[in-house]
N, C-alpha and C. Protein backbone atom coordinates (compact mmCIF):
# COMPACT_ATOMS: atom_id res chain seq x y z
N MET A 1 -34.03 8.97 32.31
CA MET A 1 -35.12 9.94 32.42
C MET A 1 -34.54 11.35 32.10
N LEU A 2 -35.23 12.07 31.28
CA LEU A 2 -34.87 13.40 30.97
C LEU A 2 -34.95 14.33 32.14
N THR A 3 -33.90 15.19 32.20
CA THR A 3 -33.86 16.20 33.31
C THR A 3 -34.63 17.48 32.88
N GLN A 4 -34.73 17.78 31.57
CA GLN A 4 -35.38 18.94 31.15
C GLN A 4 -35.94 18.68 29.74
N LEU A 5 -36.89 19.49 29.32
CA LEU A 5 -37.54 19.38 28.03
C LEU A 5 -36.72 20.12 26.97
N TYR A 6 -36.41 19.37 25.90
CA TYR A 6 -35.67 20.03 24.74
C TYR A 6 -36.54 20.01 23.50
N GLN A 7 -36.99 21.17 23.05
CA GLN A 7 -37.74 21.25 21.82
C GLN A 7 -37.36 22.50 21.09
N LEU A 8 -37.37 22.46 19.76
CA LEU A 8 -36.97 23.62 18.96
C LEU A 8 -37.76 23.61 17.66
N TYR A 9 -38.14 24.76 17.14
CA TYR A 9 -38.73 24.88 15.89
C TYR A 9 -38.14 26.12 15.26
N VAL A 10 -37.53 26.01 14.12
CA VAL A 10 -36.91 27.14 13.33
C VAL A 10 -37.36 27.12 11.93
N GLU A 11 -37.31 28.36 11.34
CA GLU A 11 -37.74 28.44 9.87
C GLU A 11 -36.71 29.29 9.20
N ARG A 12 -36.63 29.08 7.83
CA ARG A 12 -35.82 29.95 6.98
C ARG A 12 -36.65 30.19 5.77
N THR A 13 -36.89 31.42 5.52
CA THR A 13 -37.59 31.83 4.26
C THR A 13 -36.78 32.82 3.43
N ASP A 14 -36.90 32.72 2.14
CA ASP A 14 -36.34 33.66 1.26
C ASP A 14 -37.14 33.65 -0.06
N ALA A 15 -37.98 34.75 -0.25
CA ALA A 15 -38.92 34.77 -1.39
C ALA A 15 -38.13 34.77 -2.70
N SER A 16 -36.99 35.39 -2.77
CA SER A 16 -36.23 35.53 -3.97
C SER A 16 -35.74 34.16 -4.45
N LYS A 17 -35.60 33.27 -3.54
CA LYS A 17 -35.14 31.86 -3.91
C LYS A 17 -36.25 30.81 -3.82
N ASN A 18 -37.46 31.32 -3.57
CA ASN A 18 -38.58 30.43 -3.39
C ASN A 18 -38.30 29.41 -2.27
N MET A 19 -37.75 29.88 -1.21
CA MET A 19 -37.32 29.03 -0.09
C MET A 19 -38.23 29.27 1.12
N ALA A 20 -38.84 28.17 1.62
CA ALA A 20 -39.65 28.26 2.86
C ALA A 20 -39.48 26.90 3.53
N ARG A 21 -38.43 26.82 4.40
CA ARG A 21 -38.10 25.63 5.06
C ARG A 21 -38.39 25.70 6.57
N PHE A 22 -38.59 24.46 7.22
CA PHE A 22 -38.70 24.41 8.61
C PHE A 22 -37.81 23.28 9.10
N TYR A 23 -37.47 23.37 10.42
CA TYR A 23 -36.62 22.36 11.08
C TYR A 23 -37.09 22.29 12.49
N ALA A 24 -37.50 21.01 12.93
CA ALA A 24 -37.95 20.85 14.28
C ALA A 24 -37.21 19.69 14.96
N MET A 25 -36.89 19.91 16.27
CA MET A 25 -36.13 18.91 16.95
C MET A 25 -36.70 18.80 18.36
N SER A 26 -36.54 17.60 18.89
CA SER A 26 -37.00 17.36 20.25
C SER A 26 -36.18 16.19 20.82
N ILE A 27 -36.01 16.15 22.11
CA ILE A 27 -35.40 15.05 22.79
C ILE A 27 -36.41 14.45 23.72
N GLU A 28 -36.70 13.15 23.52
CA GLU A 28 -37.75 12.46 24.32
C GLU A 28 -37.24 11.17 24.78
N PRO A 29 -37.88 10.67 25.79
CA PRO A 29 -37.46 9.36 26.40
C PRO A 29 -38.19 8.27 25.55
N THR A 30 -37.51 7.07 25.53
CA THR A 30 -38.12 5.93 24.83
C THR A 30 -38.71 4.99 25.84
N LEU A 31 -39.42 4.05 25.39
CA LEU A 31 -40.06 3.06 26.41
C LEU A 31 -39.06 2.19 27.01
N PHE A 32 -37.82 2.11 26.39
CA PHE A 32 -36.72 1.20 26.90
C PHE A 32 -35.72 2.02 27.68
N GLY A 33 -35.98 3.19 28.15
CA GLY A 33 -35.04 3.89 29.05
C GLY A 33 -33.97 4.62 28.36
N GLN A 34 -33.97 4.66 27.02
CA GLN A 34 -33.02 5.42 26.32
C GLN A 34 -33.58 6.85 26.06
N THR A 35 -32.72 7.67 25.40
CA THR A 35 -33.05 9.06 25.07
C THR A 35 -33.05 9.06 23.59
N CYS A 36 -34.03 9.69 22.98
CA CYS A 36 -34.18 9.68 21.48
C CYS A 36 -34.19 11.17 21.02
N LEU A 37 -33.32 11.48 20.16
CA LEU A 37 -33.34 12.79 19.47
C LEU A 37 -34.14 12.63 18.17
N ILE A 38 -35.15 13.38 18.02
CA ILE A 38 -36.03 13.38 16.78
C ILE A 38 -35.91 14.63 16.09
N TRP A 39 -35.60 14.59 14.83
CA TRP A 39 -35.63 15.79 14.07
C TRP A 39 -36.34 15.65 12.73
N LEU A 40 -37.14 16.69 12.38
CA LEU A 40 -38.04 16.78 11.27
C LEU A 40 -37.66 17.95 10.53
N TRP A 41 -37.74 17.84 9.14
CA TRP A 41 -37.47 19.01 8.35
C TRP A 41 -38.18 18.85 6.98
N GLY A 42 -38.34 20.10 6.37
CA GLY A 42 -38.97 20.03 5.10
C GLY A 42 -39.49 21.40 4.65
N ARG A 43 -40.26 21.49 3.59
CA ARG A 43 -40.84 22.72 3.20
C ARG A 43 -42.01 23.06 4.09
N ILE A 44 -42.16 24.34 4.42
CA ILE A 44 -43.23 24.80 5.33
C ILE A 44 -44.57 24.44 4.64
N GLY A 45 -45.41 23.82 5.37
CA GLY A 45 -46.74 23.35 4.85
C GLY A 45 -46.68 21.89 4.41
N ALA A 46 -45.54 21.30 4.23
CA ALA A 46 -45.42 19.85 3.75
C ALA A 46 -45.24 19.01 4.95
N ARG A 47 -45.37 17.70 4.75
CA ARG A 47 -45.19 16.73 5.83
C ARG A 47 -43.75 16.69 6.25
N GLY A 48 -42.76 16.66 5.37
CA GLY A 48 -41.36 16.68 5.76
C GLY A 48 -40.79 15.27 5.98
N GLN A 49 -39.58 15.21 6.37
CA GLN A 49 -38.87 13.96 6.60
C GLN A 49 -38.52 13.97 8.08
N ILE A 50 -38.31 12.73 8.56
CA ILE A 50 -37.98 12.53 10.06
C ILE A 50 -36.90 11.53 10.20
N ILE A 51 -36.07 11.86 11.14
CA ILE A 51 -34.93 10.91 11.58
C ILE A 51 -34.98 10.81 13.09
N GLN A 52 -34.69 9.71 13.59
CA GLN A 52 -34.60 9.43 15.08
C GLN A 52 -33.29 8.72 15.37
N HIS A 53 -32.65 9.28 16.39
CA HIS A 53 -31.41 8.63 16.93
C HIS A 53 -31.61 8.32 18.33
N SER A 54 -31.26 7.10 18.80
CA SER A 54 -31.29 6.73 20.22
C SER A 54 -30.00 6.79 20.88
N PHE A 55 -29.96 7.22 22.07
CA PHE A 55 -28.69 7.37 22.84
C PHE A 55 -28.89 6.68 24.23
N ASP A 56 -27.85 6.13 24.76
CA ASP A 56 -27.90 5.63 26.19
C ASP A 56 -27.85 6.64 27.23
N ARG A 57 -27.21 7.84 26.84
CA ARG A 57 -27.07 8.92 27.79
C ARG A 57 -27.68 10.22 27.28
N GLU A 58 -28.40 11.01 28.12
CA GLU A 58 -29.01 12.14 27.74
C GLU A 58 -27.98 13.25 27.23
N ASP A 59 -26.81 13.31 27.84
CA ASP A 59 -25.89 14.37 27.48
C ASP A 59 -25.40 14.13 26.00
N GLU A 60 -25.33 12.89 25.46
CA GLU A 60 -25.01 12.66 24.09
C GLU A 60 -26.02 13.22 23.13
N ALA A 61 -27.34 12.99 23.46
CA ALA A 61 -28.39 13.61 22.65
C ALA A 61 -28.43 15.08 22.70
N VAL A 62 -28.13 15.65 23.83
CA VAL A 62 -28.14 17.17 24.07
C VAL A 62 -26.95 17.66 23.20
N ALA A 63 -25.80 17.06 23.19
CA ALA A 63 -24.63 17.56 22.45
C ALA A 63 -25.00 17.60 20.90
N LEU A 64 -25.65 16.56 20.36
CA LEU A 64 -26.01 16.56 19.01
C LEU A 64 -27.12 17.63 18.76
N PHE A 65 -28.04 17.79 19.70
CA PHE A 65 -29.11 18.75 19.58
C PHE A 65 -28.46 20.17 19.43
N LEU A 66 -27.55 20.46 20.29
CA LEU A 66 -26.89 21.77 20.27
C LEU A 66 -26.07 22.04 18.98
N ASP A 67 -25.38 20.92 18.54
CA ASP A 67 -24.53 21.00 17.38
C ASP A 67 -25.43 21.27 16.13
N LEU A 68 -26.58 20.59 15.97
CA LEU A 68 -27.54 20.83 14.94
C LEU A 68 -28.10 22.21 15.05
N LEU A 69 -28.39 22.66 16.21
CA LEU A 69 -28.95 23.99 16.43
C LEU A 69 -27.91 25.07 15.90
N CYS A 70 -26.68 24.96 16.22
CA CYS A 70 -25.73 25.89 15.83
C CYS A 70 -25.51 25.87 14.29
N ARG A 71 -25.54 24.70 13.74
CA ARG A 71 -25.42 24.61 12.23
C ARG A 71 -26.58 25.28 11.55
N LYS A 72 -27.84 25.13 12.09
CA LYS A 72 -28.97 25.68 11.38
C LYS A 72 -28.93 27.23 11.56
N ARG A 73 -28.53 27.73 12.77
CA ARG A 73 -28.56 29.14 12.95
C ARG A 73 -27.51 29.83 12.03
N LYS A 74 -26.36 29.12 11.72
CA LYS A 74 -25.39 29.62 10.84
C LYS A 74 -25.87 29.75 9.39
N LYS A 75 -26.82 28.81 9.05
CA LYS A 75 -27.47 28.89 7.69
C LYS A 75 -28.66 29.84 7.54
N GLY A 76 -28.92 30.49 8.66
CA GLY A 76 -30.06 31.54 8.63
C GLY A 76 -31.36 31.08 9.21
N TYR A 77 -31.46 29.93 9.74
CA TYR A 77 -32.72 29.47 10.44
C TYR A 77 -32.92 30.28 11.66
N ARG A 78 -34.11 30.78 11.92
CA ARG A 78 -34.44 31.59 13.07
C ARG A 78 -35.71 31.02 13.85
N PRO A 79 -35.74 31.07 15.16
CA PRO A 79 -36.80 30.52 15.96
C PRO A 79 -38.15 31.22 15.54
N LYS A 80 -39.26 30.46 15.57
CA LYS A 80 -40.59 31.05 15.43
C LYS A 80 -41.45 30.62 16.60
N TRP A 81 -42.34 31.56 16.95
CA TRP A 81 -43.24 31.27 18.08
C TRP A 81 -44.30 30.33 17.72
N PRO A 82 -44.94 29.61 18.78
CA PRO A 82 -45.98 28.66 18.45
C PRO A 82 -47.21 29.34 17.81
N GLY A 83 -48.06 28.55 17.24
CA GLY A 83 -49.26 29.12 16.64
C GLY A 83 -49.30 28.86 15.08
N ARG A 84 -48.13 28.48 14.54
CA ARG A 84 -48.11 28.09 13.09
C ARG A 84 -48.37 26.59 13.05
N ALA A 85 -49.36 26.25 12.23
CA ALA A 85 -49.84 24.89 12.06
C ALA A 85 -48.79 24.08 11.35
N MET A 86 -48.54 22.87 11.77
CA MET A 86 -47.67 21.91 11.13
C MET A 86 -48.49 20.63 10.77
N THR A 87 -48.14 20.00 9.65
CA THR A 87 -48.85 18.79 9.29
C THR A 87 -48.34 17.55 9.91
N SER A 88 -47.25 17.68 10.72
CA SER A 88 -46.69 16.49 11.29
C SER A 88 -47.29 16.35 12.73
N ARG A 89 -46.82 15.27 13.43
CA ARG A 89 -47.25 15.04 14.80
C ARG A 89 -46.48 15.91 15.73
N HIS A 90 -45.43 16.59 15.29
CA HIS A 90 -44.66 17.41 16.17
C HIS A 90 -45.10 18.87 16.07
N SER A 91 -45.33 19.49 17.17
CA SER A 91 -45.75 20.86 17.10
C SER A 91 -44.59 21.79 17.49
N PRO A 92 -44.60 23.02 16.96
CA PRO A 92 -43.52 23.94 17.29
C PRO A 92 -43.49 24.26 18.78
N SER A 93 -42.38 24.57 19.29
CA SER A 93 -42.25 24.87 20.65
C SER A 93 -41.75 26.33 20.81
N LEU A 94 -41.58 26.77 22.01
CA LEU A 94 -41.01 28.07 22.26
C LEU A 94 -39.58 28.10 21.78
N PRO A 95 -39.10 29.20 21.26
CA PRO A 95 -37.71 29.29 20.77
C PRO A 95 -36.71 28.99 21.93
N LEU A 96 -35.68 28.25 21.61
CA LEU A 96 -34.64 27.88 22.66
C LEU A 96 -33.58 28.88 22.62
N GLN A 97 -33.30 29.57 23.70
CA GLN A 97 -32.26 30.46 23.89
C GLN A 97 -31.00 29.77 24.34
N VAL A 98 -30.03 29.72 23.47
CA VAL A 98 -28.74 28.91 23.84
C VAL A 98 -27.55 29.72 23.61
N ASP A 99 -26.68 29.88 24.61
CA ASP A 99 -25.47 30.60 24.49
C ASP A 99 -24.39 29.84 23.71
N ALA A 100 -24.64 28.62 23.43
CA ALA A 100 -23.71 27.76 22.79
C ALA A 100 -23.33 28.25 21.36
N CYS A 101 -24.19 28.97 20.77
CA CYS A 101 -24.05 29.48 19.36
C CYS A 101 -23.60 30.92 19.24
N THR A 102 -23.06 31.53 20.32
CA THR A 102 -22.79 32.85 20.31
C THR A 102 -21.52 33.18 19.45
N LYS A 103 -20.80 32.17 19.04
CA LYS A 103 -19.56 32.34 18.25
C LYS A 103 -19.95 32.65 16.73
N MET A 104 -21.18 32.71 16.40
CA MET A 104 -21.59 32.91 15.02
C MET A 104 -21.30 34.35 14.58
């Protein structure tokens, strides 16, 4: 069972490169008692691609979640507030404030 909710939605835009990308992640419980890290990415306004990884322990999913978050922040992705429509079943969440990426 999850001890806390993990959700993140970040975007990276650069008009000079015609770049408008989003990246969304969440950690959710499965029906079989495992923890599932779901991440979705693609062009803003498009359906995007999705990957799911199942873990036996929540801390493993959280470690990967934080690692992916740090990688995306280094590439210039920044949190966006809710209210932006997405075409997937995942909705954006409040930005996650994490001290794990302060080394950037």
